[in-house]
Every structure is written in structure tokens, then in C-alpha cells.
Amino acid sequence: MTKQEKVDFVINTLNKLYPEIPIPLDHKDPYTLLVAVLLSAQCTDVRVNQITPLLFAKADNPYDMIKMSVEEIKAIIRPCGLSPMKSKGIYGLSKMLVEDYNGIVPQSFEALETFPAVGHKTAGVVMSQAFGVPAFPVDTHIHRLMYRWNLTNGKNVQQTEKDAKRLFPKDTWNDLHLQIIWYGREYSPARGWDLEKDIITKTIGRATVLKDYYK
């Protein structure tokens, strides 16, 4: 298969498997999505979705969030891990939203990346899922699968994102990054991986990955 044929195979397979694409993190607007994505760092989406209702019952907007103390936020979000950093981030970005943006999440990568605890990936998720702007935020699943599929050398997530954006048409990015995440969880996990069920890797996988699997 040529690289283009591999790319088409990935897109077609994922469209068949995930014609409707669920959003992994529960939210109701750009602000609650931003907070949920921040909480998801090194934490499962399932856990985040258990914790955000407790947090949003007290504060689902930046004005109410800054009425709480960092310690109060930390106590609620502790099960998500990294709570000292995340609670400061949530309070800090809420304060910035109130002071600089009239409480409205800006529709700009550059602006979002100035917020505390918000990196490039978080900004990408918010831009794509809240505002529909093409982005290709790379998480551990996408990083792993792009390497397994021999579509990137997988040295770091920055390189994987560049390669994904180069290979896949821009109008597919927002759907595709979610489809790959779901596929990675269901068919191509890091642990307990069954290659027989993983049709994409089985068909186009990197030779060394397939060889290691069958050792």
C-alpha cells in the first residue's frame, strides 16, 4: 500500500466504525469543556466525568469559580490526580477569563495557551470540540496508533501532530482525532492488546511492531 492508500484505509475504516462520534468529556459550553480537558491530564475521562458534576454544581462558570478558594477546588478534584496544579490552573484561568475576557472563553489557540495549566493539546481540544476549528490534538492513544500504523516515527507528540496534519485532510481532523482515540481504547490499547481485533494495525502496521507482537 502507498502512504496515501494507508491514509484512505484509516479514514474509511474509522468512518465505518464510528459514523457517530461521542465526545468523551461531558460538558455544556466552552468553559466547562476547558475545565474538563484540564482535569483529564493523566486521568481517565470516566473519572473526570464523575468529578465534574460535583465541581460544576458549585461553579459552572468563571465568576462562580473564583468565589471558591483554590483549596476548595482542590478538595473536589483530588480524585483526578495532580490536584495542586490543576486547582491553581482552574482558579487562575477563571480569574483571567473574568478580568480579561468578560468571562467568555476566547476562540484562539494563542489566547488559550496563555492560561495557566493550558497547553497546546488542551487548547486544540477546546478549539475543535467547542468551536469547530480544525485542530489535531494528540493524546497518548493517537501518539501510539500513529506509530503502530507507521504514519510517524513517534519521537514526540509534536512530531506526531505535524505528521497527522500533513497526512490527513484538514476537514477530517476534528472527527479523526476523536475516532482514533475511541479506536485506540477499543481495538488497539497499550496493554491487553489483541492484534486480531485491531484491523488497522493488522493491515498497515509497522513491520517491527507486528514482528514484536508475534514474538
N, C-alpha and C. Protein backbone atom coordinates (compact mmCIF):
# COMPACT_ATOMS: atom_id res chain seq x y z
N MET A 1 0.84 -1.21 0.00
CA MET A 1 0.00 0.00 0.00
C MET A 1 0.87 1.25 0.00
N THR A 2 0.49 2.25 -0.79
CA THR A 2 1.17 3.54 -0.72
C THR A 2 0.72 4.24 0.56
N LYS A 3 1.45 5.30 0.93
CA LYS A 3 1.07 6.04 2.13
C LYS A 3 -0.34 6.61 1.98
N GLN A 4 -0.66 7.11 0.79
CA GLN A 4 -1.99 7.67 0.56
C GLN A 4 -3.07 6.61 0.72
N GLU A 5 -2.81 5.41 0.22
CA GLU A 5 -3.78 4.31 0.37
C GLU A 5 -3.96 3.94 1.84
N LYS A 6 -2.85 3.99 2.59
CA LYS A 6 -2.94 3.72 4.04
C LYS A 6 -3.82 4.76 4.73
N VAL A 7 -3.58 6.03 4.39
CA VAL A 7 -4.37 7.13 4.96
C VAL A 7 -5.86 6.95 4.64
N ASP A 8 -6.15 6.63 3.38
CA ASP A 8 -7.56 6.42 2.97
C ASP A 8 -8.17 5.23 3.72
N PHE A 9 -7.36 4.18 3.90
CA PHE A 9 -7.84 2.99 4.62
C PHE A 9 -8.19 3.34 6.08
N VAL A 10 -7.33 4.13 6.71
CA VAL A 10 -7.59 4.56 8.10
C VAL A 10 -8.90 5.36 8.17
N ILE A 11 -9.04 6.35 7.30
CA ILE A 11 -10.23 7.21 7.31
C ILE A 11 -11.49 6.39 7.06
N ASN A 12 -11.46 5.54 6.05
CA ASN A 12 -12.65 4.75 5.70
C ASN A 12 -13.03 3.76 6.80
N THR A 13 -12.02 3.11 7.38
CA THR A 13 -12.28 2.14 8.46
C THR A 13 -12.90 2.85 9.67
N LEU A 14 -12.33 3.98 10.04
CA LEU A 14 -12.83 4.71 11.22
C LEU A 14 -14.23 5.28 10.98
N ASN A 15 -14.50 5.72 9.76
CA ASN A 15 -15.85 6.22 9.44
C ASN A 15 -16.90 5.12 9.53
N LYS A 16 -16.49 3.90 9.14
CA LYS A 16 -17.42 2.77 9.25
C LYS A 16 -17.67 2.41 10.71
N LEU A 17 -16.60 2.40 11.50
CA LEU A 17 -16.71 2.01 12.92
C LEU A 17 -17.40 3.08 13.76
N TYR A 18 -17.12 4.35 13.44
CA TYR A 18 -17.64 5.46 14.25
C TYR A 18 -18.33 6.51 13.38
N PRO A 19 -19.49 6.15 12.78
CA PRO A 19 -20.21 7.15 11.99
C PRO A 19 -20.73 8.29 12.87
N GLU A 20 -21.14 7.95 14.10
CA GLU A 20 -21.50 8.97 15.09
C GLU A 20 -20.38 8.96 16.13
N ILE A 21 -19.84 10.13 16.41
CA ILE A 21 -18.66 10.17 17.29
C ILE A 21 -19.02 10.80 18.63
N PRO A 22 -19.04 10.00 19.69
CA PRO A 22 -19.34 10.60 21.00
C PRO A 22 -18.18 11.46 21.49
N ILE A 23 -18.52 12.56 22.17
CA ILE A 23 -17.50 13.42 22.79
C ILE A 23 -17.16 12.78 24.15
N PRO A 24 -15.87 12.49 24.40
CA PRO A 24 -15.54 11.74 25.62
C PRO A 24 -15.82 12.48 26.93
N LEU A 25 -15.67 13.81 26.94
CA LEU A 25 -15.82 14.56 28.18
C LEU A 25 -17.17 15.28 28.22
N ASP A 26 -17.93 15.06 29.28
CA ASP A 26 -19.23 15.72 29.43
C ASP A 26 -19.03 17.22 29.70
N HIS A 27 -19.76 18.05 28.97
CA HIS A 27 -19.67 19.50 29.18
C HIS A 27 -20.90 20.14 28.54
N LYS A 28 -21.12 21.42 28.86
CA LYS A 28 -22.30 22.09 28.28
C LYS A 28 -21.93 23.35 27.49
N ASP A 29 -20.69 23.78 27.62
CA ASP A 29 -20.25 25.00 26.93
C ASP A 29 -18.72 25.03 26.89
N PRO A 30 -18.12 26.02 26.22
CA PRO A 30 -16.65 26.05 26.11
C PRO A 30 -15.94 26.10 27.47
N TYR A 31 -16.52 26.80 28.44
CA TYR A 31 -15.85 26.90 29.75
C TYR A 31 -15.81 25.55 30.46
N THR A 32 -16.94 24.85 30.51
CA THR A 32 -16.95 23.55 31.21
C THR A 32 -16.10 22.52 30.46
N LEU A 33 -16.00 22.66 29.13
CA LEU A 33 -15.11 21.77 28.36
C LEU A 33 -13.65 22.07 28.71
N LEU A 34 -13.30 23.35 28.77
CA LEU A 34 -11.93 23.74 29.10
C LEU A 34 -11.50 23.17 30.45
N VAL A 35 -12.37 23.28 31.43
CA VAL A 35 -12.07 22.75 32.77
C VAL A 35 -11.96 21.23 32.73
N ALA A 36 -12.88 20.58 32.03
CA ALA A 36 -12.86 19.11 31.94
C ALA A 36 -11.59 18.61 31.26
N VAL A 37 -11.16 19.29 30.19
CA VAL A 37 -9.95 18.86 29.48
C VAL A 37 -8.73 19.05 30.37
N LEU A 38 -8.69 20.16 31.09
CA LEU A 38 -7.58 20.39 32.02
C LEU A 38 -7.52 19.26 33.07
N LEU A 39 -8.68 18.86 33.57
CA LEU A 39 -8.74 17.80 34.58
C LEU A 39 -8.31 16.44 34.02
N SER A 40 -8.44 16.26 32.69
CA SER A 40 -8.21 14.93 32.10
C SER A 40 -6.73 14.58 31.96
N ALA A 41 -5.84 15.54 32.24
CA ALA A 41 -4.41 15.24 32.14
C ALA A 41 -4.05 14.12 33.12
N GLN A 42 -3.49 13.04 32.59
CA GLN A 42 -3.10 11.87 33.40
C GLN A 42 -4.25 11.34 34.26
N CYS A 43 -5.45 11.43 33.72
CA CYS A 43 -6.64 10.93 34.41
C CYS A 43 -7.61 10.41 33.35
N THR A 44 -8.37 9.38 33.67
CA THR A 44 -9.30 8.84 32.67
C THR A 44 -10.50 9.77 32.49
N ASP A 45 -11.07 9.74 31.29
CA ASP A 45 -12.27 10.54 31.03
C ASP A 45 -13.43 10.08 31.92
N VAL A 46 -13.49 8.78 32.19
CA VAL A 46 -14.56 8.26 33.06
C VAL A 46 -14.49 8.92 34.43
N ARG A 47 -13.29 8.99 34.98
CA ARG A 47 -13.11 9.63 36.31
C ARG A 47 -13.46 11.12 36.24
N VAL A 48 -12.99 11.78 35.19
CA VAL A 48 -13.30 13.22 35.04
C VAL A 48 -14.81 13.43 35.02
N ASN A 49 -15.53 12.59 34.26
CA ASN A 49 -16.99 12.72 34.15
C ASN A 49 -17.71 12.42 35.46
N GLN A 50 -17.03 11.74 36.38
CA GLN A 50 -17.61 11.52 37.71
C GLN A 50 -17.41 12.75 38.61
N ILE A 51 -16.31 13.47 38.37
CA ILE A 51 -15.93 14.58 39.25
C ILE A 51 -16.53 15.93 38.80
N THR A 52 -16.60 16.14 37.46
CA THR A 52 -17.06 17.46 37.01
C THR A 52 -18.47 17.83 37.48
N PRO A 53 -19.43 16.88 37.56
CA PRO A 53 -20.75 17.30 38.08
C PRO A 53 -20.69 17.86 39.49
N LEU A 54 -19.78 17.33 40.32
CA LEU A 54 -19.63 17.83 41.70
C LEU A 54 -19.06 19.25 41.69
N LEU A 55 -18.08 19.46 40.80
CA LEU A 55 -17.46 20.79 40.71
C LEU A 55 -18.43 21.79 40.09
N PHE A 56 -19.10 21.39 39.00
CA PHE A 56 -19.97 22.33 38.30
C PHE A 56 -21.26 22.61 39.06
N ALA A 57 -21.62 21.74 39.99
CA ALA A 57 -22.78 22.04 40.85
C ALA A 57 -22.50 23.27 41.70
N LYS A 58 -21.23 23.47 42.03
CA LYS A 58 -20.84 24.66 42.83
C LYS A 58 -20.46 25.83 41.93
N ALA A 59 -19.83 25.51 40.79
CA ALA A 59 -19.36 26.60 39.91
C ALA A 59 -19.23 26.07 38.48
N ASP A 60 -20.15 26.50 37.61
CA ASP A 60 -20.05 26.07 36.20
C ASP A 60 -19.74 27.25 35.29
N ASN A 61 -19.23 28.32 35.89
CA ASN A 61 -18.80 29.50 35.12
C ASN A 61 -17.66 30.17 35.88
N PRO A 62 -16.85 30.98 35.18
CA PRO A 62 -15.66 31.53 35.85
C PRO A 62 -15.99 32.47 37.01
N TYR A 63 -17.12 33.16 36.95
CA TYR A 63 -17.48 34.09 38.03
C TYR A 63 -17.72 33.35 39.34
N ASP A 64 -18.43 32.24 39.26
CA ASP A 64 -18.66 31.44 40.47
C ASP A 64 -17.40 30.70 40.90
N MET A 65 -16.59 30.30 39.93
CA MET A 65 -15.37 29.53 40.25
C MET A 65 -14.42 30.35 41.12
N ILE A 66 -14.29 31.66 40.82
CA ILE A 66 -13.33 32.45 41.60
C ILE A 66 -13.90 32.89 42.96
N LYS A 67 -15.18 32.56 43.21
CA LYS A 67 -15.71 32.76 44.57
C LYS A 67 -15.23 31.64 45.49
N MET A 68 -14.81 30.50 44.88
CA MET A 68 -14.25 29.41 45.66
C MET A 68 -12.75 29.64 45.85
N SER A 69 -12.17 29.02 46.86
CA SER A 69 -10.72 29.10 47.05
C SER A 69 -10.06 27.96 46.28
N VAL A 70 -8.76 28.10 46.04
CA VAL A 70 -8.00 27.04 45.38
C VAL A 70 -8.12 25.75 46.20
N GLU A 71 -8.11 25.90 47.54
CA GLU A 71 -8.21 24.71 48.42
C GLU A 71 -9.56 24.01 48.25
N GLU A 72 -10.62 24.79 48.12
CA GLU A 72 -11.96 24.19 47.93
C GLU A 72 -12.04 23.43 46.59
N ILE A 73 -11.49 24.05 45.55
CA ILE A 73 -11.46 23.39 44.24
C ILE A 73 -10.65 22.09 44.34
N LYS A 74 -9.50 22.20 45.00
CA LYS A 74 -8.59 21.05 45.12
C LYS A 74 -9.27 19.87 45.82
N ALA A 75 -10.04 20.18 46.85
CA ALA A 75 -10.72 19.11 47.62
C ALA A 75 -11.70 18.33 46.73
N ILE A 76 -12.37 19.04 45.81
CA ILE A 76 -13.35 18.38 44.94
C ILE A 76 -12.66 17.55 43.86
N ILE A 77 -11.59 18.11 43.29
CA ILE A 77 -10.98 17.46 42.12
C ILE A 77 -9.87 16.47 42.48
N ARG A 78 -9.60 16.29 43.77
CA ARG A 78 -8.49 15.43 44.20
C ARG A 78 -8.45 14.06 43.50
N PRO A 79 -9.62 13.37 43.33
CA PRO A 79 -9.58 12.04 42.69
C PRO A 79 -9.01 12.05 41.27
N CYS A 80 -8.94 13.23 40.63
CA CYS A 80 -8.41 13.29 39.25
C CYS A 80 -6.88 13.32 39.23
N GLY A 81 -6.24 13.44 40.40
CA GLY A 81 -4.78 13.49 40.41
C GLY A 81 -4.25 14.87 40.04
N LEU A 82 -2.99 15.11 40.39
CA LEU A 82 -2.32 16.41 40.12
C LEU A 82 -3.16 17.58 40.62
N SER A 83 -3.89 17.36 41.72
CA SER A 83 -4.87 18.38 42.14
C SER A 83 -4.25 19.72 42.56
N PRO A 84 -3.02 19.75 43.13
CA PRO A 84 -2.46 21.08 43.44
C PRO A 84 -2.30 21.95 42.19
N MET A 85 -1.73 21.36 41.13
CA MET A 85 -1.52 22.12 39.89
C MET A 85 -2.85 22.43 39.20
N LYS A 86 -3.73 21.43 39.13
CA LYS A 86 -4.99 21.62 38.41
C LYS A 86 -5.90 22.63 39.10
N SER A 87 -5.95 22.61 40.42
CA SER A 87 -6.82 23.56 41.14
C SER A 87 -6.33 25.00 40.95
N LYS A 88 -5.00 25.18 40.98
CA LYS A 88 -4.45 26.53 40.72
C LYS A 88 -4.75 26.95 39.29
N GLY A 89 -4.65 25.98 38.35
CA GLY A 89 -4.92 26.27 36.95
C GLY A 89 -6.37 26.69 36.73
N ILE A 90 -7.30 25.93 37.32
CA ILE A 90 -8.73 26.24 37.15
C ILE A 90 -9.06 27.60 37.74
N TYR A 91 -8.52 27.87 38.92
CA TYR A 91 -8.78 29.18 39.55
C TYR A 91 -8.13 30.29 38.72
N GLY A 92 -6.87 30.06 38.31
CA GLY A 92 -6.12 31.09 37.57
C GLY A 92 -6.75 31.41 36.23
N LEU A 93 -7.15 30.40 35.47
CA LEU A 93 -7.74 30.67 34.15
C LEU A 93 -9.11 31.32 34.30
N SER A 94 -9.85 30.94 35.37
CA SER A 94 -11.16 31.56 35.61
C SER A 94 -10.99 33.04 35.92
N LYS A 95 -9.96 33.36 36.70
CA LYS A 95 -9.68 34.77 37.05
C LYS A 95 -9.31 35.56 35.79
N MET A 96 -8.48 34.96 34.95
CA MET A 96 -8.11 35.62 33.70
C MET A 96 -9.32 35.83 32.79
N LEU A 97 -10.21 34.84 32.74
CA LEU A 97 -11.42 34.96 31.90
C LEU A 97 -12.28 36.12 32.38
N VAL A 98 -12.43 36.22 33.69
CA VAL A 98 -13.26 37.29 34.26
C VAL A 98 -12.61 38.66 34.02
N GLU A 99 -11.31 38.74 34.28
CA GLU A 99 -10.62 40.04 34.23
C GLU A 99 -10.34 40.51 32.79
N ASP A 100 -10.04 39.56 31.91
CA ASP A 100 -9.57 39.95 30.57
C ASP A 100 -10.54 39.64 29.43
N TYR A 101 -11.52 38.74 29.67
CA TYR A 101 -12.36 38.28 28.56
C TYR A 101 -13.85 38.32 28.85
N ASN A 102 -14.26 39.11 29.86
CA ASN A 102 -15.68 39.19 30.23
C ASN A 102 -16.31 37.82 30.48
N GLY A 103 -15.49 36.89 30.97
CA GLY A 103 -15.99 35.56 31.33
C GLY A 103 -16.20 34.63 30.15
N ILE A 104 -15.80 35.07 28.94
CA ILE A 104 -16.05 34.27 27.73
C ILE A 104 -14.74 33.62 27.26
N VAL A 105 -14.78 32.33 27.00
CA VAL A 105 -13.58 31.60 26.53
C VAL A 105 -13.23 32.10 25.12
N PRO A 106 -11.99 32.57 24.93
CA PRO A 106 -11.61 33.09 23.61
C PRO A 106 -11.44 31.99 22.57
N GLN A 107 -11.78 32.32 21.33
CA GLN A 107 -11.66 31.35 20.22
C GLN A 107 -10.32 31.53 19.53
N SER A 108 -9.24 31.29 20.27
CA SER A 108 -7.91 31.49 19.70
C SER A 108 -6.91 30.58 20.40
N PHE A 109 -6.13 29.85 19.61
CA PHE A 109 -5.08 28.99 20.17
C PHE A 109 -4.13 29.81 21.04
N GLU A 110 -3.72 30.95 20.49
CA GLU A 110 -2.71 31.78 21.17
C GLU A 110 -3.23 32.24 22.53
N ALA A 111 -4.48 32.71 22.57
CA ALA A 111 -5.05 33.20 23.84
C ALA A 111 -5.19 32.05 24.84
N LEU A 112 -5.72 30.93 24.38
CA LEU A 112 -5.93 29.79 25.28
C LEU A 112 -4.62 29.31 25.89
N GLU A 113 -3.56 29.32 25.09
CA GLU A 113 -2.27 28.81 25.59
C GLU A 113 -1.59 29.76 26.57
N THR A 114 -2.15 30.96 26.76
CA THR A 114 -1.61 31.86 27.80
C THR A 114 -2.20 31.55 29.18
N PHE A 115 -3.27 30.74 29.22
CA PHE A 115 -3.90 30.43 30.50
C PHE A 115 -3.06 29.43 31.30
N PRO A 116 -3.06 29.56 32.63
CA PRO A 116 -2.30 28.60 33.44
C PRO A 116 -2.84 27.18 33.26
N ALA A 117 -1.92 26.21 33.20
CA ALA A 117 -2.23 24.77 33.09
C ALA A 117 -2.90 24.40 31.76
N VAL A 118 -2.91 25.33 30.80
CA VAL A 118 -3.47 25.02 29.48
C VAL A 118 -2.33 24.96 28.47
N GLY A 119 -2.09 23.76 27.95
CA GLY A 119 -1.06 23.59 26.95
C GLY A 119 -1.65 23.51 25.55
N HIS A 120 -0.81 23.16 24.61
CA HIS A 120 -1.21 23.12 23.20
C HIS A 120 -2.33 22.10 22.96
N LYS A 121 -2.21 20.93 23.61
CA LYS A 121 -3.21 19.88 23.38
C LYS A 121 -4.57 20.31 23.92
N THR A 122 -4.59 20.86 25.14
CA THR A 122 -5.86 21.32 25.73
C THR A 122 -6.50 22.39 24.86
N ALA A 123 -5.68 23.34 24.39
CA ALA A 123 -6.20 24.40 23.51
C ALA A 123 -6.79 23.78 22.24
N GLY A 124 -6.11 22.76 21.70
CA GLY A 124 -6.59 22.11 20.48
C GLY A 124 -7.94 21.42 20.67
N VAL A 125 -8.10 20.75 21.82
CA VAL A 125 -9.38 20.07 22.10
C VAL A 125 -10.51 21.09 22.19
N VAL A 126 -10.26 22.20 22.89
CA VAL A 126 -11.30 23.23 23.05
C VAL A 126 -11.62 23.87 21.70
N MET A 127 -10.60 24.19 20.92
CA MET A 127 -10.84 24.82 19.62
C MET A 127 -11.63 23.90 18.70
N SER A 128 -11.31 22.59 18.71
CA SER A 128 -12.01 21.68 17.79
C SER A 128 -13.40 21.32 18.29
N GLN A 129 -13.52 20.99 19.58
CA GLN A 129 -14.80 20.47 20.08
C GLN A 129 -15.78 21.57 20.49
N ALA A 130 -15.27 22.69 20.97
CA ALA A 130 -16.18 23.77 21.38
C ALA A 130 -16.49 24.72 20.21
N PHE A 131 -15.49 24.95 19.35
CA PHE A 131 -15.65 25.98 18.32
C PHE A 131 -15.61 25.45 16.88
N GLY A 132 -15.33 24.15 16.71
CA GLY A 132 -15.32 23.57 15.37
C GLY A 132 -14.17 24.02 14.50
N VAL A 133 -13.11 24.56 15.12
CA VAL A 133 -11.93 24.99 14.36
C VAL A 133 -11.03 23.78 14.14
N PRO A 134 -10.56 23.53 12.91
CA PRO A 134 -9.72 22.35 12.67
C PRO A 134 -8.48 22.32 13.58
N ALA A 135 -8.32 21.21 14.29
CA ALA A 135 -7.16 21.00 15.16
C ALA A 135 -6.92 19.51 15.25
N PHE A 136 -5.71 19.13 15.62
CA PHE A 136 -5.42 17.70 15.75
C PHE A 136 -4.68 17.46 17.06
N PRO A 137 -5.40 17.62 18.19
CA PRO A 137 -4.73 17.42 19.48
C PRO A 137 -4.31 15.96 19.64
N VAL A 138 -3.05 15.75 19.96
CA VAL A 138 -2.51 14.38 20.04
C VAL A 138 -2.41 13.94 21.50
N ASP A 139 -3.15 12.88 21.84
CA ASP A 139 -3.03 12.30 23.18
C ASP A 139 -2.24 11.00 23.07
N THR A 140 -2.14 10.26 24.18
CA THR A 140 -1.32 9.05 24.18
C THR A 140 -1.84 8.00 23.19
N HIS A 141 -3.17 7.92 23.03
CA HIS A 141 -3.74 6.94 22.09
C HIS A 141 -3.32 7.26 20.66
N ILE A 142 -3.47 8.52 20.26
CA ILE A 142 -3.13 8.93 18.90
C ILE A 142 -1.63 8.75 18.65
N HIS A 143 -0.83 9.13 19.63
CA HIS A 143 0.62 9.00 19.54
C HIS A 143 1.01 7.53 19.32
N ARG A 144 0.39 6.64 20.09
CA ARG A 144 0.68 5.21 19.99
C ARG A 144 0.24 4.64 18.64
N LEU A 145 -0.98 5.00 18.21
CA LEU A 145 -1.52 4.42 16.97
C LEU A 145 -0.81 4.95 15.73
N MET A 146 -0.51 6.22 15.71
CA MET A 146 0.21 6.77 14.54
C MET A 146 1.56 6.08 14.37
N TYR A 147 2.19 5.71 15.50
CA TYR A 147 3.45 4.98 15.44
C TYR A 147 3.21 3.54 14.96
N ARG A 148 2.22 2.89 15.58
CA ARG A 148 1.91 1.50 15.18
C ARG A 148 1.55 1.42 13.69
N TRP A 149 0.89 2.45 13.18
CA TRP A 149 0.46 2.45 11.78
C TRP A 149 1.56 2.93 10.83
N ASN A 150 2.73 3.21 11.40
CA ASN A 150 3.87 3.66 10.58
C ASN A 150 3.58 4.96 9.83
N LEU A 151 2.79 5.84 10.48
CA LEU A 151 2.48 7.15 9.88
C LEU A 151 3.29 8.27 10.52
N THR A 152 4.10 7.92 11.52
CA THR A 152 5.01 8.87 12.15
C THR A 152 6.13 8.06 12.79
N ASN A 153 7.28 8.72 13.02
CA ASN A 153 8.35 7.99 13.71
C ASN A 153 8.13 8.01 15.22
N GLY A 154 7.12 8.79 15.67
CA GLY A 154 6.71 8.74 17.08
C GLY A 154 7.72 9.24 18.08
N LYS A 155 8.66 10.12 17.66
CA LYS A 155 9.67 10.60 18.61
C LYS A 155 9.04 11.43 19.74
N ASN A 156 8.04 12.27 19.39
CA ASN A 156 7.33 13.06 20.41
C ASN A 156 5.96 13.46 19.86
N VAL A 157 5.10 13.96 20.74
CA VAL A 157 3.73 14.27 20.31
C VAL A 157 3.70 15.43 19.30
N GLN A 158 4.68 16.34 19.41
CA GLN A 158 4.73 17.47 18.46
C GLN A 158 4.94 16.95 17.03
N GLN A 159 5.88 15.99 16.90
CA GLN A 159 6.15 15.41 15.58
C GLN A 159 4.94 14.63 15.07
N THR A 160 4.30 13.89 15.98
CA THR A 160 3.11 13.11 15.60
C THR A 160 2.01 14.03 15.09
N GLU A 161 1.81 15.17 15.77
CA GLU A 161 0.78 16.13 15.35
C GLU A 161 1.10 16.69 13.96
N LYS A 162 2.37 17.05 13.76
CA LYS A 162 2.78 17.57 12.44
C LYS A 162 2.51 16.56 11.33
N ASP A 163 2.88 15.30 11.60
CA ASP A 163 2.69 14.25 10.60
C ASP A 163 1.21 13.99 10.33
N ALA A 164 0.40 13.99 11.39
CA ALA A 164 -1.05 13.78 11.22
C ALA A 164 -1.65 14.89 10.36
N LYS A 165 -1.24 16.13 10.64
CA LYS A 165 -1.80 17.26 9.89
C LYS A 165 -1.34 17.25 8.43
N ARG A 166 -0.15 16.72 8.20
CA ARG A 166 0.37 16.65 6.84
C ARG A 166 -0.34 15.55 6.05
N LEU A 167 -0.62 14.44 6.71
CA LEU A 167 -1.18 13.26 6.02
C LEU A 167 -2.69 13.32 5.81
N PHE A 168 -3.41 13.82 6.82
CA PHE A 168 -4.88 13.77 6.77
C PHE A 168 -5.45 15.11 6.32
N PRO A 169 -6.49 15.09 5.45
CA PRO A 169 -7.11 16.34 5.01
C PRO A 169 -7.66 17.14 6.20
N LYS A 170 -7.52 18.46 6.11
CA LYS A 170 -7.90 19.35 7.22
C LYS A 170 -9.35 19.17 7.64
N ASP A 171 -10.23 18.90 6.67
CA ASP A 171 -11.65 18.79 7.02
C ASP A 171 -11.98 17.48 7.76
N THR A 172 -10.98 16.60 7.91
CA THR A 172 -11.21 15.35 8.66
C THR A 172 -10.66 15.43 10.09
N TRP A 173 -9.84 16.45 10.37
CA TRP A 173 -9.09 16.47 11.63
C TRP A 173 -9.96 16.33 12.88
N ASN A 174 -11.02 17.13 12.95
CA ASN A 174 -11.80 17.17 14.20
C ASN A 174 -12.49 15.84 14.49
N ASP A 175 -13.03 15.20 13.44
CA ASP A 175 -13.62 13.88 13.63
C ASP A 175 -12.55 12.83 13.88
N LEU A 176 -11.51 12.92 13.08
CA LEU A 176 -10.49 11.86 13.09
C LEU A 176 -9.77 11.74 14.43
N HIS A 177 -9.45 12.87 15.05
CA HIS A 177 -8.70 12.75 16.31
C HIS A 177 -9.55 12.05 17.37
N LEU A 178 -10.87 12.28 17.35
CA LEU A 178 -11.76 11.57 18.28
C LEU A 178 -11.93 10.10 17.89
N GLN A 179 -12.08 9.85 16.60
CA GLN A 179 -12.23 8.46 16.14
C GLN A 179 -11.01 7.62 16.51
N ILE A 180 -9.81 8.21 16.34
CA ILE A 180 -8.59 7.46 16.67
C ILE A 180 -8.52 7.18 18.17
N ILE A 181 -8.94 8.15 18.99
CA ILE A 181 -8.95 7.93 20.45
C ILE A 181 -9.86 6.75 20.80
N TRP A 182 -11.08 6.75 20.26
CA TRP A 182 -12.01 5.65 20.54
C TRP A 182 -11.46 4.32 20.02
N TYR A 183 -10.87 4.36 18.84
CA TYR A 183 -10.31 3.13 18.26
C TYR A 183 -9.17 2.61 19.15
N GLY A 184 -8.32 3.52 19.59
CA GLY A 184 -7.20 3.12 20.45
C GLY A 184 -7.67 2.46 21.74
N ARG A 185 -8.74 2.99 22.30
CA ARG A 185 -9.27 2.42 23.55
C ARG A 185 -9.89 1.04 23.31
N GLU A 186 -10.62 0.92 22.20
CA GLU A 186 -11.40 -0.30 21.99
C GLU A 186 -10.64 -1.42 21.26
N TYR A 187 -9.77 -1.04 20.33
CA TYR A 187 -9.16 -2.05 19.48
C TYR A 187 -7.63 -2.12 19.55
N SER A 188 -6.99 -1.04 20.01
CA SER A 188 -5.52 -1.02 19.96
C SER A 188 -4.94 -0.40 21.23
N PRO A 189 -5.29 -0.97 22.39
CA PRO A 189 -4.82 -0.39 23.65
C PRO A 189 -3.32 -0.65 23.88
N ALA A 190 -2.76 0.06 24.85
CA ALA A 190 -1.34 -0.15 25.17
C ALA A 190 -1.15 -1.51 25.82
N ARG A 191 -2.09 -1.90 26.69
CA ARG A 191 -1.99 -3.19 27.39
C ARG A 191 -3.18 -4.06 27.03
N GLY A 192 -2.98 -5.39 27.06
CA GLY A 192 -4.08 -6.30 26.74
C GLY A 192 -4.52 -6.18 25.30
N TRP A 193 -3.55 -5.98 24.42
CA TRP A 193 -3.83 -5.71 23.01
C TRP A 193 -4.00 -7.02 22.24
N ASP A 194 -5.09 -7.12 21.50
CA ASP A 194 -5.35 -8.29 20.65
C ASP A 194 -5.29 -7.86 19.19
N LEU A 195 -4.18 -8.16 18.54
CA LEU A 195 -3.95 -7.71 17.16
C LEU A 195 -5.01 -8.25 16.20
N GLU A 196 -5.56 -9.41 16.51
CA GLU A 196 -6.58 -10.00 15.62
C GLU A 196 -7.81 -9.07 15.50
N LYS A 197 -8.10 -8.33 16.56
CA LYS A 197 -9.26 -7.42 16.53
C LYS A 197 -8.89 -6.05 15.96
N ASP A 198 -7.58 -5.79 15.91
CA ASP A 198 -7.09 -4.46 15.50
C ASP A 198 -6.84 -4.46 13.99
N ILE A 199 -7.91 -4.32 13.23
CA ILE A 199 -7.87 -4.45 11.77
C ILE A 199 -6.91 -3.45 11.12
N ILE A 200 -6.83 -2.23 11.66
CA ILE A 200 -5.98 -1.22 11.00
C ILE A 200 -4.51 -1.59 11.16
N THR A 201 -4.09 -1.86 12.41
CA THR A 201 -2.67 -2.20 12.62
C THR A 201 -2.33 -3.50 11.90
N LYS A 202 -3.24 -4.45 11.92
CA LYS A 202 -3.00 -5.73 11.26
C LYS A 202 -2.78 -5.54 9.75
N THR A 203 -3.48 -4.55 9.18
CA THR A 203 -3.41 -4.33 7.73
C THR A 203 -2.24 -3.44 7.33
N ILE A 204 -1.98 -2.37 8.08
CA ILE A 204 -0.96 -1.40 7.65
C ILE A 204 0.15 -1.20 8.67
N GLY A 205 0.18 -2.03 9.71
CA GLY A 205 1.09 -1.80 10.84
C GLY A 205 2.57 -1.79 10.46
N ARG A 206 3.34 -1.08 11.25
CA ARG A 206 4.79 -1.02 11.13
C ARG A 206 5.36 -2.44 11.28
N ALA A 207 6.26 -2.83 10.41
CA ALA A 207 6.78 -4.21 10.40
C ALA A 207 7.37 -4.62 11.75
N THR A 208 8.13 -3.71 12.38
CA THR A 208 8.77 -4.05 13.66
C THR A 208 7.73 -4.25 14.77
N VAL A 209 6.65 -3.49 14.72
CA VAL A 209 5.58 -3.63 15.71
C VAL A 209 4.90 -4.99 15.58
N LEU A 210 4.62 -5.38 14.34
CA LEU A 210 3.96 -6.67 14.08
C LEU A 210 4.89 -7.82 14.48
N LYS A 211 6.17 -7.65 14.16
CA LYS A 211 7.16 -8.70 14.49
C LYS A 211 7.24 -8.89 16.01
N ASP A 212 7.32 -7.76 16.72
CA ASP A 212 7.41 -7.82 18.19
C ASP A 212 6.17 -8.48 18.78
N TYR A 213 5.00 -8.18 18.20
CA TYR A 213 3.75 -8.75 18.71
C TYR A 213 3.78 -10.27 18.60
N TYR A 214 4.26 -10.78 17.47
CA TYR A 214 4.20 -12.23 17.22
C TYR A 214 5.39 -13.01 17.80
N LYS A 215 6.30 -12.29 18.47
CA LYS A 215 7.48 -12.96 19.08
C LYS A 215 7.04 -14.05 20.03
